[in-house]
Amino acid sequence: MKHVYVFQNAPMCGEELAMLQGTLKRWCDEQHVDLSSPQAERAAVELIDWFQFGLKHSDQLIEMLRRNSP
C-alpha cells in the first residue's frame, strides 16, 4: 500500500509566530548565536518545517533544534 502525505500550510496566527520567535531566541541564547546570523536563519527554517510537520510546542521544537545543532 502506498502512503501519500499531504501537508497544508495554513496561515500562522500571531500566537504561533510569537511562540516560534521565542523558541528561536531561546535556542540562540543557549547556543550563543546572534539572532541575525546565518546559523539562526537555518534554525528558523528548521523550526518552521518542524512546526508545519506537526510539532506545535516550544519544548518539542527546541529539542529538535538541539539534536540537529553542531
Protein backbone atom coordinates (compact mmCIF):
# COMPACT_ATOMS: atom_id res chain seq x y z
CA MET A 1 0.00 0.00 0.00
CA LYS A 2 1.31 3.42 -0.94
CA HIS A 3 1.16 6.25 1.59
CA VAL A 4 0.58 9.77 0.39
CA TYR A 5 1.26 12.65 2.76
CA VAL A 6 -0.31 15.99 2.08
CA PHE A 7 0.80 18.96 4.12
CA GLN A 8 -1.37 22.01 4.00
CA ASN A 9 0.26 25.18 5.16
CA ALA A 10 -2.44 27.12 6.94
CA PRO A 11 -1.57 30.68 7.86
CA MET A 12 0.02 31.01 11.28
CA CYS A 13 -1.70 33.11 13.90
CA GLY A 14 0.07 35.74 15.99
CA GLU A 15 0.40 33.42 18.99
CA GLU A 16 2.09 30.75 16.87
CA LEU A 17 4.52 33.28 15.39
CA ALA A 18 5.33 34.62 18.85
CA MET A 19 5.97 31.08 20.12
CA LEU A 20 8.27 30.33 17.17
CA GLN A 21 10.14 33.60 17.66
CA GLY A 22 10.54 32.95 21.38
CA THR A 23 11.77 29.42 20.70
CA LEU A 24 14.32 30.69 18.20
CA LYS A 25 15.54 33.35 20.63
CA ARG A 26 15.83 30.76 23.41
CA TRP A 27 17.87 28.46 21.17
CA CYS A 28 20.10 31.33 20.00
CA ASP A 29 20.74 32.34 23.62
CA GLU A 30 21.65 28.75 24.54
CA GLN A 31 23.96 28.38 21.55
CA HIS A 32 25.45 31.88 21.89
CA VAL A 33 24.34 32.63 18.34
CA ASP A 34 23.34 36.08 17.11
CA LEU A 35 19.69 36.19 16.10
CA SER A 36 20.61 37.74 12.74
CA SER A 37 23.30 35.17 11.87
CA PRO A 38 23.09 32.60 9.06
CA GLN A 39 23.04 29.86 11.71
CA ALA A 40 19.94 31.43 13.28
CA GLU A 41 18.34 31.69 9.83
CA ARG A 42 18.87 27.97 9.27
CA ALA A 43 17.40 27.24 12.70
CA ALA A 44 14.36 29.40 11.89
CA VAL A 45 13.76 27.44 8.68
CA GLU A 46 14.02 24.18 10.64
CA LEU A 47 11.60 25.49 13.26
CA ILE A 48 9.01 26.33 10.64
CA ASP A 49 9.50 22.97 8.93
CA TRP A 50 9.03 21.07 12.20
CA PHE A 51 6.03 23.26 13.10
CA GLN A 52 4.38 22.56 9.75
CA PHE A 53 5.17 18.87 10.18
CA GLY A 54 3.09 18.89 13.35
CA LEU A 55 5.32 19.78 16.32
CA LYS A 56 3.36 22.60 17.94
CA HIS A 57 5.02 23.03 21.34
CA SER A 58 8.11 25.08 22.08
CA ASP A 59 9.75 22.33 24.13
CA GLN A 60 9.38 19.83 21.29
CA LEU A 61 10.73 22.28 18.75
CA ILE A 62 13.74 23.36 20.78
CA GLU A 63 14.62 19.72 21.44
CA MET A 64 14.69 19.09 17.68
CA LEU A 65 16.96 22.10 17.20
CA ARG A 66 19.27 20.87 19.97
CA ARG A 67 19.50 17.45 18.34
CA ASN A 68 20.38 18.95 14.97
CA SER A 69 22.85 21.63 16.09
CA PRO A 70 26.55 21.02 15.51
